């Protein structure tokens, strides 16, 4: 690939980041929570419950940073944090009933936004776009892991 193609890709990704950030507008407009809290709720919502360490790995954050985000969501009544009976250092996180409602509202808003975006594409190319984006994300993740960057549960 030549340098011009790389720069076009980089510019398109920057535009995509700016434009798709408009799903919720302002940082505090993700159904009443910050974008960090939003991502945390959605990740926890994909599971019944998970450990703080596993959640940090999935979100590619260190546990101390994530712990502050989780604590904010606990105080809002959206997450439940429980210490393991056998090992009090092991913390399990789950959505509360209110957390499930907020996560569902966020999911619905994202679904509606991306449904409207995909509707602007020709019907025959929608699957190819989704598959291409998935392959690109997988390639970025694999590259980052191969160079030791951005590993799940990293400390930096």
N, C-alpha and C. Protein backbone atom coordinates (compact mmCIF):
# COMPACT_ATOMS: atom_id res chain seq x y z
N UNK A 1 0.84 -1.18 0.00
CA UNK A 1 0.00 0.00 0.00
C UNK A 1 0.88 1.24 0.00
N UNK A 2 0.50 2.22 -0.77
CA UNK A 2 1.32 3.42 -0.80
C UNK A 2 0.91 4.41 0.30
N UNK A 3 1.78 5.38 0.52
CA UNK A 3 1.57 6.35 1.61
C UNK A 3 0.27 7.12 1.44
N UNK A 4 -0.13 7.41 0.23
CA UNK A 4 -1.38 8.13 -0.01
C UNK A 4 -2.58 7.31 0.45
N UNK A 5 -2.58 6.00 0.18
CA UNK A 5 -3.68 5.14 0.63
C UNK A 5 -3.76 5.09 2.15
N UNK A 6 -2.59 5.01 2.78
CA UNK A 6 -2.54 4.99 4.25
C UNK A 6 -3.13 6.28 4.81
N UNK A 7 -2.76 7.40 4.23
CA UNK A 7 -3.27 8.70 4.73
C UNK A 7 -4.77 8.84 4.49
N UNK A 8 -5.25 8.33 3.37
CA UNK A 8 -6.70 8.35 3.12
C UNK A 8 -7.41 7.51 4.18
N UNK A 9 -6.89 6.32 4.46
CA UNK A 9 -7.48 5.47 5.51
C UNK A 9 -7.49 6.19 6.85
N UNK A 10 -6.35 6.78 7.22
CA UNK A 10 -6.27 7.50 8.50
C UNK A 10 -7.29 8.63 8.57
N UNK A 11 -7.43 9.39 7.50
CA UNK A 11 -8.39 10.49 7.48
C UNK A 11 -9.83 9.97 7.58
N UNK A 12 -10.13 8.91 6.88
CA UNK A 12 -11.49 8.34 6.93
C UNK A 12 -11.81 7.83 8.34
N UNK A 13 -10.83 7.25 9.00
CA UNK A 13 -11.05 6.77 10.37
C UNK A 13 -11.28 7.95 11.31
N UNK A 14 -10.51 9.02 11.15
CA UNK A 14 -10.72 10.21 12.00
C UNK A 14 -12.12 10.78 11.77
N UNK A 15 -12.54 10.84 10.52
CA UNK A 15 -13.89 11.34 10.21
C UNK A 15 -14.93 10.43 10.83
N UNK A 16 -14.75 9.13 10.69
CA UNK A 16 -15.69 8.17 11.28
C UNK A 16 -15.78 8.36 12.79
N UNK A 17 -14.64 8.54 13.46
CA UNK A 17 -14.65 8.77 14.91
C UNK A 17 -15.45 10.02 15.26
N UNK A 18 -15.21 11.10 14.53
CA UNK A 18 -15.93 12.35 14.81
C UNK A 18 -17.42 12.21 14.54
N UNK A 19 -17.75 11.67 13.38
CA UNK A 19 -19.14 11.58 12.98
C UNK A 19 -19.95 10.59 13.82
N UNK A 20 -19.38 9.43 14.11
CA UNK A 20 -20.13 8.44 14.89
C UNK A 20 -20.17 8.80 16.36
N UNK A 21 -19.31 9.69 16.80
CA UNK A 21 -19.38 10.19 18.17
C UNK A 21 -20.65 10.97 18.41
N UNK A 22 -21.29 11.37 17.32
CA UNK A 22 -22.53 12.15 17.41
C UNK A 22 -23.75 11.33 17.74
N UNK A 23 -23.58 10.02 17.93
CA UNK A 23 -24.73 9.18 18.29
C UNK A 23 -25.40 9.75 19.54
N UNK A 24 -24.59 10.14 20.50
CA UNK A 24 -25.11 10.66 21.75
C UNK A 24 -24.80 12.12 21.96
N UNK A 25 -24.04 12.73 21.07
CA UNK A 25 -23.74 14.15 21.21
C UNK A 25 -22.74 14.39 22.31
N UNK A 26 -23.14 15.15 23.29
CA UNK A 26 -22.24 15.54 24.38
C UNK A 26 -21.85 14.36 25.26
N UNK A 27 -20.71 14.49 25.93
CA UNK A 27 -20.18 13.43 26.79
C UNK A 27 -21.20 12.96 27.81
N UNK A 28 -22.00 13.84 28.35
CA UNK A 28 -22.96 13.48 29.39
C UNK A 28 -24.32 13.07 28.82
N UNK A 29 -24.41 12.94 27.52
CA UNK A 29 -25.71 12.70 26.90
C UNK A 29 -25.96 11.24 26.53
N UNK A 30 -25.20 10.33 27.09
CA UNK A 30 -25.38 8.90 26.81
C UNK A 30 -26.39 8.36 27.82
N UNK A 31 -27.64 8.75 27.65
CA UNK A 31 -28.72 8.31 28.55
C UNK A 31 -28.40 8.64 30.00
N UNK A 32 -27.78 9.79 30.23
CA UNK A 32 -27.52 10.27 31.58
C UNK A 32 -26.21 9.83 32.19
N UNK A 33 -25.36 9.14 31.44
CA UNK A 33 -24.06 8.72 31.96
C UNK A 33 -22.97 9.17 31.00
N UNK A 34 -21.72 9.17 31.46
CA UNK A 34 -20.61 9.55 30.60
C UNK A 34 -20.36 8.44 29.57
N UNK A 35 -19.59 8.74 28.56
CA UNK A 35 -19.29 7.73 27.55
C UNK A 35 -18.51 6.56 28.15
N UNK A 36 -17.61 6.82 29.10
CA UNK A 36 -16.89 5.72 29.76
C UNK A 36 -17.86 4.83 30.51
N UNK A 37 -18.80 5.45 31.22
CA UNK A 37 -19.81 4.68 31.93
C UNK A 37 -20.71 3.92 30.95
N UNK A 38 -21.01 4.55 29.83
CA UNK A 38 -21.84 3.94 28.79
C UNK A 38 -21.18 2.66 28.29
N UNK A 39 -19.88 2.74 27.93
CA UNK A 39 -19.17 1.56 27.44
C UNK A 39 -19.13 0.47 28.51
N UNK A 40 -18.96 0.86 29.75
CA UNK A 40 -18.92 -0.11 30.84
C UNK A 40 -20.26 -0.82 30.99
N UNK A 41 -21.34 -0.05 30.98
CA UNK A 41 -22.68 -0.65 31.10
C UNK A 41 -22.95 -1.63 29.96
N UNK A 42 -22.60 -1.24 28.74
CA UNK A 42 -22.86 -2.11 27.60
C UNK A 42 -22.05 -3.40 27.69
N UNK A 43 -20.80 -3.30 28.14
CA UNK A 43 -19.96 -4.49 28.25
C UNK A 43 -20.47 -5.42 29.34
N UNK A 44 -20.84 -4.86 30.49
CA UNK A 44 -21.39 -5.69 31.57
C UNK A 44 -22.72 -6.29 31.13
N UNK A 45 -23.50 -5.52 30.38
CA UNK A 45 -24.80 -5.99 29.92
C UNK A 45 -24.74 -7.18 28.98
N UNK A 46 -23.59 -7.41 28.38
CA UNK A 46 -23.44 -8.57 27.49
C UNK A 46 -23.32 -9.87 28.27
N UNK A 47 -23.12 -9.76 29.56
CA UNK A 47 -22.94 -10.94 30.41
C UNK A 47 -23.88 -10.87 31.59
N UNK A 48 -24.06 -11.98 32.25
CA UNK A 48 -24.84 -12.00 33.50
C UNK A 48 -24.08 -11.24 34.58
N UNK A 49 -22.80 -11.55 34.71
CA UNK A 49 -21.90 -10.86 35.63
C UNK A 49 -20.48 -11.20 35.21
N UNK A 50 -19.52 -10.40 35.65
CA UNK A 50 -18.12 -10.69 35.37
C UNK A 50 -17.25 -10.01 36.40
N UNK A 51 -16.00 -10.42 36.45
CA UNK A 51 -15.08 -9.85 37.43
C UNK A 51 -14.57 -8.51 36.94
N UNK A 52 -14.11 -7.70 37.86
CA UNK A 52 -13.51 -6.41 37.52
C UNK A 52 -12.29 -6.63 36.62
N UNK A 53 -11.50 -7.65 36.90
CA UNK A 53 -10.31 -7.96 36.10
C UNK A 53 -10.71 -8.32 34.67
N UNK A 54 -11.73 -9.17 34.51
CA UNK A 54 -12.19 -9.56 33.17
C UNK A 54 -12.76 -8.36 32.42
N UNK A 55 -13.51 -7.53 33.12
CA UNK A 55 -14.09 -6.34 32.50
C UNK A 55 -12.98 -5.39 32.04
N UNK A 56 -11.97 -5.21 32.88
CA UNK A 56 -10.83 -4.35 32.51
C UNK A 56 -10.15 -4.88 31.25
N UNK A 57 -9.98 -6.19 31.17
CA UNK A 57 -9.35 -6.80 30.00
C UNK A 57 -10.20 -6.57 28.76
N UNK A 58 -11.50 -6.74 28.88
CA UNK A 58 -12.40 -6.57 27.73
C UNK A 58 -12.45 -5.12 27.26
N UNK A 59 -12.35 -4.17 28.18
CA UNK A 59 -12.38 -2.75 27.82
C UNK A 59 -11.00 -2.18 27.55
N UNK A 60 -9.98 -3.02 27.75
CA UNK A 60 -8.59 -2.60 27.53
C UNK A 60 -8.21 -1.43 28.45
N UNK A 61 -8.56 -1.56 29.72
CA UNK A 61 -8.26 -0.55 30.73
C UNK A 61 -7.56 -1.20 31.91
N UNK A 62 -6.82 -0.41 32.67
CA UNK A 62 -6.25 -0.98 33.89
C UNK A 62 -7.34 -0.97 34.96
N UNK A 63 -7.21 -1.86 35.93
CA UNK A 63 -8.28 -2.06 36.92
C UNK A 63 -8.51 -0.83 37.79
N UNK A 64 -7.46 -0.05 38.07
CA UNK A 64 -7.67 1.12 38.92
C UNK A 64 -8.51 2.18 38.21
N UNK A 65 -8.27 2.38 36.92
CA UNK A 65 -9.08 3.33 36.14
C UNK A 65 -10.52 2.86 36.07
N UNK A 66 -10.70 1.59 35.75
CA UNK A 66 -12.04 1.04 35.62
C UNK A 66 -12.76 1.02 36.96
N UNK A 67 -12.05 0.80 38.03
CA UNK A 67 -12.65 0.75 39.35
C UNK A 67 -13.37 2.07 39.68
N UNK A 68 -12.78 3.17 39.28
CA UNK A 68 -13.42 4.49 39.51
C UNK A 68 -14.71 4.62 38.70
N UNK A 69 -14.67 4.16 37.45
CA UNK A 69 -15.87 4.20 36.61
C UNK A 69 -16.96 3.32 37.20
N UNK A 70 -16.58 2.13 37.61
CA UNK A 70 -17.54 1.19 38.21
C UNK A 70 -18.13 1.78 39.48
N UNK A 71 -17.29 2.39 40.31
CA UNK A 71 -17.78 2.98 41.56
C UNK A 71 -18.83 4.06 41.28
N UNK A 72 -18.59 4.88 40.26
CA UNK A 72 -19.58 5.89 39.88
C UNK A 72 -20.91 5.27 39.48
N UNK A 73 -20.85 4.15 38.77
CA UNK A 73 -22.08 3.46 38.36
C UNK A 73 -22.76 2.77 39.52
N UNK A 74 -21.97 2.31 40.50
CA UNK A 74 -22.55 1.73 41.72
C UNK A 74 -23.30 2.82 42.47
N UNK A 75 -22.69 4.00 42.59
CA UNK A 75 -23.33 5.11 43.31
C UNK A 75 -24.60 5.58 42.61
N UNK A 76 -24.65 5.44 41.27
CA UNK A 76 -25.86 5.79 40.52
C UNK A 76 -26.92 4.70 40.60
N UNK A 77 -26.57 3.55 41.19
CA UNK A 77 -27.52 2.45 41.31
C UNK A 77 -27.65 1.63 40.04
N UNK A 78 -26.65 1.72 39.13
CA UNK A 78 -26.73 1.01 37.86
C UNK A 78 -25.93 -0.30 37.85
N UNK A 79 -24.94 -0.40 38.72
CA UNK A 79 -24.15 -1.62 38.84
C UNK A 79 -24.15 -2.09 40.28
N UNK A 80 -24.03 -3.40 40.42
CA UNK A 80 -23.87 -4.02 41.73
C UNK A 80 -22.47 -4.62 41.76
N UNK A 81 -21.73 -4.32 42.81
CA UNK A 81 -20.36 -4.83 42.97
C UNK A 81 -20.34 -5.71 44.21
N UNK A 82 -19.87 -6.96 44.03
CA UNK A 82 -19.84 -7.89 45.15
C UNK A 82 -18.47 -8.54 45.25
N UNK A 83 -17.98 -8.61 46.49
CA UNK A 83 -16.72 -9.33 46.74
C UNK A 83 -17.03 -10.82 46.78
N UNK A 84 -16.14 -11.62 46.22
CA UNK A 84 -16.27 -13.07 46.24
C UNK A 84 -16.16 -13.56 47.67
N UNK A 85 -17.00 -14.51 48.05
CA UNK A 85 -16.99 -15.04 49.42
C UNK A 85 -15.66 -15.72 49.74
N UNK A 86 -15.06 -16.38 48.76
CA UNK A 86 -13.80 -17.10 48.99
C UNK A 86 -12.56 -16.22 48.90
N UNK A 87 -12.62 -15.16 48.10
CA UNK A 87 -11.47 -14.28 47.91
C UNK A 87 -11.98 -12.86 47.78
N UNK A 88 -11.90 -12.09 48.86
CA UNK A 88 -12.47 -10.75 48.89
C UNK A 88 -11.80 -9.79 47.91
N UNK A 89 -10.63 -10.16 47.37
CA UNK A 89 -9.98 -9.31 46.36
C UNK A 89 -10.65 -9.47 45.00
N UNK A 90 -11.38 -10.56 44.81
CA UNK A 90 -12.07 -10.84 43.55
C UNK A 90 -13.44 -10.18 43.60
N UNK A 91 -13.69 -9.24 42.70
CA UNK A 91 -14.94 -8.48 42.70
C UNK A 91 -15.75 -8.85 41.47
N UNK A 92 -17.02 -9.15 41.68
CA UNK A 92 -17.94 -9.46 40.59
C UNK A 92 -18.86 -8.26 40.37
N UNK A 93 -19.11 -7.97 39.10
CA UNK A 93 -19.93 -6.81 38.73
C UNK A 93 -21.11 -7.29 37.90
N UNK A 94 -22.28 -6.72 38.18
CA UNK A 94 -23.49 -7.05 37.42
C UNK A 94 -24.37 -5.81 37.34
N UNK A 95 -25.23 -5.78 36.33
CA UNK A 95 -26.19 -4.69 36.22
C UNK A 95 -27.29 -4.86 37.27
N UNK A 96 -27.73 -3.74 37.81
CA UNK A 96 -28.92 -3.75 38.66
C UNK A 96 -30.14 -3.70 37.74
N UNK A 97 -31.34 -3.75 38.31
CA UNK A 97 -32.55 -3.63 37.49
C UNK A 97 -32.55 -2.29 36.75
N UNK A 98 -32.19 -1.22 37.46
CA UNK A 98 -32.12 0.10 36.82
C UNK A 98 -31.01 0.13 35.77
N UNK A 99 -29.90 -0.53 36.04
CA UNK A 99 -28.80 -0.62 35.08
C UNK A 99 -29.22 -1.32 33.81
N UNK A 100 -30.03 -2.37 33.94
CA UNK A 100 -30.54 -3.07 32.76
C UNK A 100 -31.42 -2.15 31.92
N UNK A 101 -32.22 -1.31 32.58
CA UNK A 101 -33.08 -0.38 31.84
C UNK A 101 -32.23 0.65 31.08
N UNK A 102 -31.22 1.19 31.75
CA UNK A 102 -30.36 2.19 31.10
C UNK A 102 -29.58 1.54 29.95
N UNK A 103 -29.02 0.36 30.17
CA UNK A 103 -28.28 -0.34 29.12
C UNK A 103 -29.19 -0.64 27.93
N UNK A 104 -30.43 -1.03 28.19
CA UNK A 104 -31.38 -1.31 27.11
C UNK A 104 -31.69 -0.04 26.32
N UNK A 105 -31.83 1.09 27.02
CA UNK A 105 -32.09 2.36 26.34
C UNK A 105 -30.90 2.76 25.47
N UNK A 106 -29.70 2.55 25.97
CA UNK A 106 -28.49 2.85 25.20
C UNK A 106 -28.44 1.96 23.97
N UNK A 107 -28.67 0.66 24.15
CA UNK A 107 -28.66 -0.28 23.03
C UNK A 107 -29.68 0.13 21.97
N UNK A 108 -30.89 0.51 22.40
CA UNK A 108 -31.93 0.92 21.45
C UNK A 108 -31.51 2.15 20.67
N UNK A 109 -30.89 3.11 21.35
CA UNK A 109 -30.46 4.33 20.68
C UNK A 109 -29.37 4.03 19.67
N UNK A 110 -28.38 3.21 20.05
CA UNK A 110 -27.32 2.81 19.11
C UNK A 110 -27.91 2.02 17.95
N UNK A 111 -28.82 1.08 18.24
CA UNK A 111 -29.43 0.28 17.18
C UNK A 111 -30.14 1.18 16.16
N UNK A 112 -30.92 2.14 16.64
CA UNK A 112 -31.65 3.03 15.74
C UNK A 112 -30.70 3.87 14.89
N UNK A 113 -29.63 4.37 15.52
CA UNK A 113 -28.66 5.19 14.80
C UNK A 113 -28.01 4.38 13.68
N UNK A 114 -27.48 3.20 14.02
CA UNK A 114 -26.77 2.42 13.01
C UNK A 114 -27.71 1.79 11.99
N UNK A 115 -28.94 1.54 12.36
CA UNK A 115 -29.93 1.07 11.38
C UNK A 115 -30.16 2.17 10.34
N UNK A 116 -30.28 3.41 10.80
CA UNK A 116 -30.48 4.53 9.87
C UNK A 116 -29.25 4.73 8.98
N UNK A 117 -28.05 4.55 9.54
CA UNK A 117 -26.83 4.68 8.75
C UNK A 117 -26.77 3.57 7.70
N UNK A 118 -27.00 2.33 8.11
CA UNK A 118 -26.95 1.21 7.17
C UNK A 118 -28.02 1.33 6.08
N UNK A 119 -29.15 1.94 6.41
CA UNK A 119 -30.22 2.12 5.43
C UNK A 119 -29.78 3.03 4.29
N UNK A 120 -28.76 3.84 4.52
CA UNK A 120 -28.24 4.72 3.47
C UNK A 120 -27.31 4.00 2.49
N UNK A 121 -26.97 2.77 2.82
CA UNK A 121 -26.13 1.96 1.93
C UNK A 121 -27.01 1.10 1.05
N UNK A 122 -26.52 0.74 -0.13
CA UNK A 122 -27.29 -0.21 -0.94
C UNK A 122 -27.46 -1.52 -0.17
N UNK A 123 -28.65 -2.09 -0.23
CA UNK A 123 -28.95 -3.31 0.55
C UNK A 123 -27.93 -4.41 0.32
N UNK A 124 -27.45 -4.56 -0.89
CA UNK A 124 -26.52 -5.62 -1.21
C UNK A 124 -25.12 -5.44 -0.64
N UNK A 125 -24.80 -4.24 -0.15
CA UNK A 125 -23.44 -4.01 0.36
C UNK A 125 -23.38 -3.95 1.89
N UNK A 126 -24.50 -4.00 2.57
CA UNK A 126 -24.51 -3.85 4.03
C UNK A 126 -23.72 -4.95 4.73
N UNK A 127 -23.95 -6.18 4.33
CA UNK A 127 -23.23 -7.29 4.96
C UNK A 127 -21.73 -7.17 4.70
N UNK A 128 -21.35 -6.79 3.50
CA UNK A 128 -19.93 -6.63 3.17
C UNK A 128 -19.29 -5.54 4.01
N UNK A 129 -20.01 -4.45 4.26
CA UNK A 129 -19.47 -3.36 5.09
C UNK A 129 -19.25 -3.86 6.52
N UNK A 130 -20.22 -4.56 7.07
CA UNK A 130 -20.09 -5.09 8.43
C UNK A 130 -18.94 -6.09 8.51
N UNK A 131 -18.84 -6.98 7.54
CA UNK A 131 -17.75 -7.95 7.54
C UNK A 131 -16.39 -7.27 7.39
N UNK A 132 -16.31 -6.24 6.56
CA UNK A 132 -15.04 -5.52 6.36
C UNK A 132 -14.62 -4.77 7.62
N UNK A 133 -15.57 -4.12 8.27
CA UNK A 133 -15.24 -3.41 9.51
C UNK A 133 -14.80 -4.41 10.58
N UNK A 134 -15.49 -5.55 10.66
CA UNK A 134 -15.11 -6.58 11.63
C UNK A 134 -13.70 -7.09 11.36
N UNK A 135 -13.39 -7.34 10.10
CA UNK A 135 -12.04 -7.82 9.74
C UNK A 135 -10.99 -6.75 10.07
N UNK A 136 -11.31 -5.49 9.83
CA UNK A 136 -10.37 -4.41 10.11
C UNK A 136 -10.11 -4.30 11.62
N UNK A 137 -11.16 -4.37 12.41
CA UNK A 137 -11.01 -4.31 13.87
C UNK A 137 -10.17 -5.48 14.36
N UNK A 138 -10.43 -6.67 13.83
CA UNK A 138 -9.64 -7.84 14.22
C UNK A 138 -8.17 -7.66 13.85
N UNK A 139 -7.90 -7.09 12.68
CA UNK A 139 -6.52 -6.86 12.24
C UNK A 139 -5.82 -5.83 13.13
N UNK A 140 -6.53 -4.77 13.50
CA UNK A 140 -5.95 -3.76 14.40
C UNK A 140 -5.63 -4.39 15.74
N UNK A 141 -6.57 -5.16 16.29
CA UNK A 141 -6.36 -5.81 17.59
C UNK A 141 -5.18 -6.78 17.53
N UNK A 142 -5.12 -7.59 16.49
CA UNK A 142 -4.03 -8.56 16.35
C UNK A 142 -2.68 -7.84 16.22
N UNK A 143 -2.66 -6.77 15.46
CA UNK A 143 -1.40 -6.02 15.31
C UNK A 143 -0.97 -5.42 16.65
N UNK A 144 -1.91 -4.80 17.34
CA UNK A 144 -1.59 -4.20 18.64
C UNK A 144 -1.07 -5.23 19.62
N UNK A 145 -1.70 -6.40 19.64
CA UNK A 145 -1.24 -7.47 20.54
C UNK A 145 0.13 -7.98 20.13
N UNK A 146 0.41 -8.03 18.83
CA UNK A 146 1.71 -8.56 18.37
C UNK A 146 2.86 -7.62 18.70
N UNK A 147 2.57 -6.33 18.86
CA UNK A 147 3.64 -5.38 19.19
C UNK A 147 3.65 -5.03 20.67
N UNK A 148 2.77 -5.68 21.45
CA UNK A 148 2.73 -5.44 22.88
C UNK A 148 1.99 -4.18 23.27
N UNK A 149 1.24 -3.62 22.35
CA UNK A 149 0.47 -2.40 22.62
C UNK A 149 -0.95 -2.76 23.00
N UNK A 150 -1.47 -1.99 23.91
CA UNK A 150 -2.91 -2.05 24.19
C UNK A 150 -3.39 -3.45 24.56
N UNK A 151 -2.59 -4.17 25.29
CA UNK A 151 -3.00 -5.50 25.72
C UNK A 151 -4.07 -5.39 26.79
N UNK A 152 -5.04 -6.28 26.77
CA UNK A 152 -6.07 -6.25 27.81
C UNK A 152 -5.44 -6.29 29.21
N UNK A 153 -5.97 -5.47 30.09
CA UNK A 153 -5.51 -5.44 31.46
C UNK A 153 -4.16 -4.74 31.63
N UNK A 154 -3.79 -3.97 30.62
CA UNK A 154 -2.48 -3.32 30.65
C UNK A 154 -2.37 -2.36 31.83
N UNK A 155 -1.17 -2.02 32.19
CA UNK A 155 -0.93 -1.11 33.31
C UNK A 155 -0.61 0.29 32.84
N UNK A 156 -0.47 0.51 31.55
CA UNK A 156 -0.16 1.86 31.07
C UNK A 156 -1.13 2.32 30.05
